[in-house]
Amino acid sequence: MIQDDFRQQGLRARLVQELRRKGAGNERVWEAMQRVPRHLFLERSFGQFAYKDVAFPIGAGQTISQPSTVARQSALLSTREGQRILEVGTGSGYQSAVLAELGVELFSIERQSALYTSTRQLLQQLGYKSIKLFLGDGYEGLPQEAPFDGILVTAGAAALPQELLRQLKVGGLMVVPLGAKVQTMTRIRRLSETDFEQEAYGECAFVPMLGGIVRQ
């Protein structure tokens, strides 16, 4: 049973106000995050902390990003309604839900089969039936669905994933935590078939981006 009572909604509103004070995100993103019940994407033992600006483990060596990180990445992607967006690293599905609330057509890849199964079920229960989930290797992207208006990578890549760059539309944006040890939030804009522009937006910390599929 999906439970999202007035107390949870109030805590969520307080979190959104905190994100506003920090300047993490923009108005569209904050409105979207107000609609997503983050406590349902966490293990029940962490539920009381769901609306703190902190990250938590979700199993399979993965984490649910802190809300300010989700807000910043979502804002950097500069989405518009109806755009085709690829998310690499579905994880808990929280970032997926925020993107769906922004009105995009979302394609999301998860390499951990256990997470893929549980997150698909949760997103369907929450009514996010339009999100297209795939079990696969994020480094390979989804060439059969490309090109994309935007690509959001939710794990730290040691180097720019070249196959993902090829799947980005001209004029499209990719947001990726880039770096082996110290990561930098990076936005890539595709200027032409061969040219890209790169911008840096400060240090960040993510679990590493890994290849392959883990079947459990």
Protein backbone atom coordinates (compact mmCIF):
# COMPACT_ATOMS: atom_id res chain seq x y z
CA MET A 1 0.00 0.00 0.00
CA ILE A 2 1.35 3.43 -0.99
CA GLN A 3 1.32 5.77 2.01
CA ASP A 4 2.07 9.47 1.63
CA ASP A 5 0.37 11.35 4.46
CA PHE A 6 0.28 15.03 5.43
CA ARG A 7 3.31 14.60 7.69
CA GLN A 8 5.44 13.25 4.84
CA GLN A 9 4.19 15.96 2.51
CA GLY A 10 5.08 18.61 5.08
CA LEU A 11 8.58 17.21 5.53
CA ARG A 12 8.96 17.19 1.75
CA ALA A 13 7.91 20.84 1.54
CA ARG A 14 10.50 21.69 4.18
CA LEU A 15 13.17 19.85 2.18
CA VAL A 16 12.24 21.77 -0.97
CA GLN A 17 12.56 25.04 0.95
CA GLU A 18 16.03 23.93 2.07
CA LEU A 19 17.00 23.23 -1.55
CA ARG A 20 15.74 26.68 -2.50
CA ARG A 21 17.92 28.29 0.17
CA LYS A 22 20.93 26.32 -1.08
CA GLY A 23 20.20 27.29 -4.68
CA ALA A 24 20.22 23.61 -5.65
CA GLY A 25 17.94 23.24 -8.67
CA ASN A 26 15.36 25.54 -10.19
CA GLU A 27 11.63 26.16 -9.83
CA ARG A 28 10.54 23.40 -12.23
CA VAL A 29 12.76 20.86 -10.45
CA TRP A 30 11.59 21.89 -6.97
CA GLU A 31 7.95 21.56 -8.00
CA ALA A 32 8.69 18.10 -9.41
CA MET A 33 10.50 17.02 -6.23
CA GLN A 34 7.57 18.20 -4.13
CA ARG A 35 5.44 15.62 -5.93
CA VAL A 36 7.79 12.64 -5.44
CA PRO A 37 7.49 10.71 -2.13
CA ARG A 38 11.19 10.06 -1.48
CA HIS A 39 10.46 8.00 1.66
CA LEU A 40 9.01 5.26 -0.54
CA PHE A 41 12.33 4.86 -2.37
CA LEU A 42 14.25 4.07 0.84
CA GLU A 43 14.40 1.04 3.08
CA ARG A 44 11.86 1.42 5.87
CA SER A 45 14.63 1.70 8.51
CA PHE A 46 15.81 4.92 6.86
CA GLY A 47 12.31 6.33 6.39
CA GLN A 48 12.53 8.85 9.22
CA PHE A 49 15.50 10.47 7.47
CA ALA A 50 13.98 10.48 3.98
CA TYR A 51 13.64 14.25 3.84
CA LYS A 52 17.11 15.08 5.07
CA ASP A 53 19.58 16.24 2.43
CA VAL A 54 21.69 13.09 2.67
CA ALA A 55 22.39 9.98 0.59
CA PHE A 56 21.56 6.44 1.76
CA PRO A 57 22.48 2.89 0.69
CA ILE A 58 19.83 1.03 -1.34
CA GLY A 59 21.53 -2.34 -1.70
CA ALA A 60 23.75 -3.89 -4.40
CA GLY A 61 26.50 -1.43 -3.43
CA GLN A 62 24.42 1.51 -4.69
CA THR A 63 23.03 4.65 -3.06
CA ILE A 64 20.11 6.99 -3.46
CA SER A 65 21.66 10.40 -4.11
CA GLN A 66 21.07 13.26 -1.72
CA PRO A 67 18.20 15.49 -2.83
CA SER A 68 20.44 18.50 -3.53
CA THR A 69 22.46 16.37 -5.98
CA VAL A 70 19.30 15.17 -7.71
CA ALA A 71 18.09 18.78 -7.93
CA ARG A 72 21.40 20.04 -9.36
CA GLN A 73 21.70 17.28 -11.95
CA SER A 74 18.08 17.67 -13.01
CA ALA A 75 18.47 21.44 -13.40
CA LEU A 76 21.72 21.12 -15.37
CA LEU A 77 19.96 18.85 -17.85
CA SER A 78 17.61 21.78 -18.71
CA THR A 79 14.79 19.49 -19.81
CA ARG A 80 11.65 20.50 -21.65
CA GLU A 81 8.40 18.56 -21.70
CA GLY A 82 8.33 15.81 -24.27
CA GLN A 83 12.10 15.51 -24.65
CA ARG A 84 13.63 12.04 -24.91
CA ILE A 85 15.99 11.55 -21.98
CA LEU A 86 18.31 8.63 -21.22
CA GLU A 87 19.15 7.97 -17.56
CA VAL A 88 22.16 5.74 -16.90
CA GLY A 89 21.79 4.08 -13.49
CA THR A 90 18.15 3.68 -12.46
CA GLY A 91 19.08 2.74 -8.89
CA SER A 92 16.20 3.31 -6.50
CA GLY A 93 14.16 5.07 -9.18
CA TYR A 94 13.97 8.37 -7.27
CA GLN A 95 15.82 10.38 -9.91
CA SER A 96 13.72 8.62 -12.56
CA ALA A 97 10.52 9.76 -10.86
CA VAL A 98 11.74 13.37 -10.66
CA LEU A 99 12.55 13.34 -14.38
CA ALA A 100 9.14 11.83 -15.14
CA GLU A 101 7.48 14.63 -13.14
CA LEU A 102 9.34 17.08 -15.40
CA GLY A 103 7.34 15.68 -18.29
CA VAL A 104 10.08 13.99 -20.29
CA GLU A 105 9.95 10.67 -22.15
CA LEU A 106 12.36 8.71 -19.98
CA PHE A 107 14.49 5.69 -20.86
CA SER A 108 16.49 4.32 -17.92
CA ILE A 109 19.19 1.61 -17.73
CA GLU A 110 20.14 -0.41 -14.63
CA ARG A 111 22.93 -3.02 -14.60
CA GLN A 112 21.92 -4.73 -11.31
CA SER A 113 19.10 -7.17 -12.03
CA ALA A 114 17.83 -7.16 -8.42
CA LEU A 115 17.50 -3.36 -8.42
CA TYR A 116 16.00 -3.38 -11.89
CA THR A 117 13.25 -5.78 -10.77
CA SER A 118 12.40 -4.08 -7.47
CA THR A 119 12.55 -0.55 -8.88
CA ARG A 120 10.39 -1.42 -11.89
CA GLN A 121 7.75 -2.78 -9.53
CA LEU A 122 7.88 0.29 -7.27
CA LEU A 123 7.65 2.79 -10.14
CA GLN A 124 4.64 0.94 -11.54
CA GLN A 125 2.97 0.97 -8.11
CA LEU A 126 3.54 4.73 -7.90
CA GLY A 127 1.94 5.24 -11.30
CA TYR A 128 5.10 5.94 -13.32
CA LYS A 129 4.13 3.43 -15.96
CA SER A 130 5.46 5.53 -18.84
CA ILE A 131 9.10 5.20 -17.71
CA LYS A 132 10.84 2.68 -19.94
CA LEU A 133 13.30 0.59 -17.89
CA PHE A 134 16.04 -1.59 -19.34
CA LEU A 135 18.41 -4.10 -17.78
CA GLY A 136 21.73 -3.41 -19.46
CA ASP A 137 25.23 -1.97 -19.50
CA GLY A 138 25.10 1.79 -19.08
CA TYR A 139 28.31 2.29 -21.06
CA GLU A 140 26.53 0.90 -24.11
CA GLY A 141 23.49 3.14 -23.70
CA LEU A 142 20.44 2.35 -25.83
CA PRO A 143 21.50 2.70 -29.48
CA GLN A 144 18.15 1.27 -30.60
CA GLU A 145 16.36 4.24 -28.99
CA ALA A 146 18.91 6.96 -29.83
CA PRO A 147 19.33 9.82 -30.38
CA PHE A 148 18.42 11.51 -27.10
CA ASP A 149 17.81 15.15 -26.24
CA GLY A 150 19.60 14.62 -22.93
CA ILE A 151 21.57 11.97 -21.05
CA LEU A 152 21.91 11.89 -17.26
CA VAL A 153 24.58 9.65 -15.73
CA THR A 154 24.06 8.88 -12.03
CA ALA A 155 27.45 7.26 -11.35
CA GLY A 156 31.01 8.51 -11.51
CA ALA A 157 32.68 7.87 -14.88
CA ALA A 158 36.49 7.81 -14.95
CA ALA A 159 36.41 9.05 -18.57
CA LEU A 160 33.73 10.34 -20.90
CA PRO A 161 31.63 7.40 -22.15
CA GLN A 162 32.13 7.69 -25.91
CA GLU A 163 29.20 5.49 -26.88
CA LEU A 164 26.86 7.73 -24.88
CA LEU A 165 28.23 10.82 -26.61
CA ARG A 166 27.38 9.23 -29.96
CA GLN A 167 23.77 8.77 -28.81
CA LEU A 168 23.30 12.47 -27.97
CA LYS A 169 21.46 14.71 -30.43
CA VAL A 170 23.20 17.75 -31.83
CA GLY A 171 22.24 20.50 -29.38
CA GLY A 172 21.65 17.92 -26.64
CA LEU A 173 23.13 17.88 -23.14
CA MET A 174 24.80 15.15 -21.09
CA VAL A 175 25.32 15.57 -17.35
CA VAL A 176 27.91 13.22 -15.84
CA PRO A 177 30.08 13.07 -12.70
CA LEU A 178 33.51 12.83 -14.32
CA GLY A 179 36.78 11.66 -12.76
CA ALA A 180 38.50 8.59 -11.33
CA LYS A 181 39.24 9.65 -7.74
CA VAL A 182 37.88 13.19 -7.48
CA GLN A 183 34.77 13.69 -9.57
CA THR A 184 33.56 16.91 -11.15
CA MET A 185 29.94 17.45 -12.12
CA THR A 186 30.28 18.00 -15.85
CA ARG A 187 27.87 19.10 -18.57
CA ILE A 188 28.58 18.24 -22.20
CA ARG A 189 26.77 19.99 -25.04
CA ARG A 190 26.91 18.46 -28.52
CA LEU A 191 27.60 21.30 -30.95
CA SER A 192 27.84 19.24 -34.15
CA GLU A 193 28.49 15.70 -35.31
CA THR A 194 32.12 16.04 -34.23
CA ASP A 195 32.28 18.94 -31.74
CA PHE A 196 31.39 19.06 -28.04
CA GLU A 197 31.52 21.78 -25.38
CA GLN A 198 32.36 20.87 -21.78
CA GLU A 199 31.49 22.80 -18.59
CA ALA A 200 32.44 22.02 -14.98
CA TYR A 201 30.11 22.57 -12.01
CA GLY A 202 32.13 21.65 -8.92
CA GLU A 203 33.29 18.52 -7.14
CA CYS A 204 30.90 15.70 -6.29
CA ALA A 205 30.96 12.13 -4.98
CA PHE A 206 29.21 9.18 -6.66
CA VAL A 207 29.60 5.41 -6.70
CA PRO A 208 31.75 4.38 -9.69
CA MET A 209 30.19 3.70 -13.06
CA LEU A 210 30.78 0.04 -13.94
CA GLY A 211 30.18 -1.97 -17.07
CA GLY A 212 28.43 -5.28 -17.59
CA ILE A 213 25.24 -6.73 -16.13
CA VAL A 214 24.98 -8.28 -12.65
CA ARG A 215 22.32 -10.99 -12.56
CA GLN A 216 21.07 -12.01 -9.12
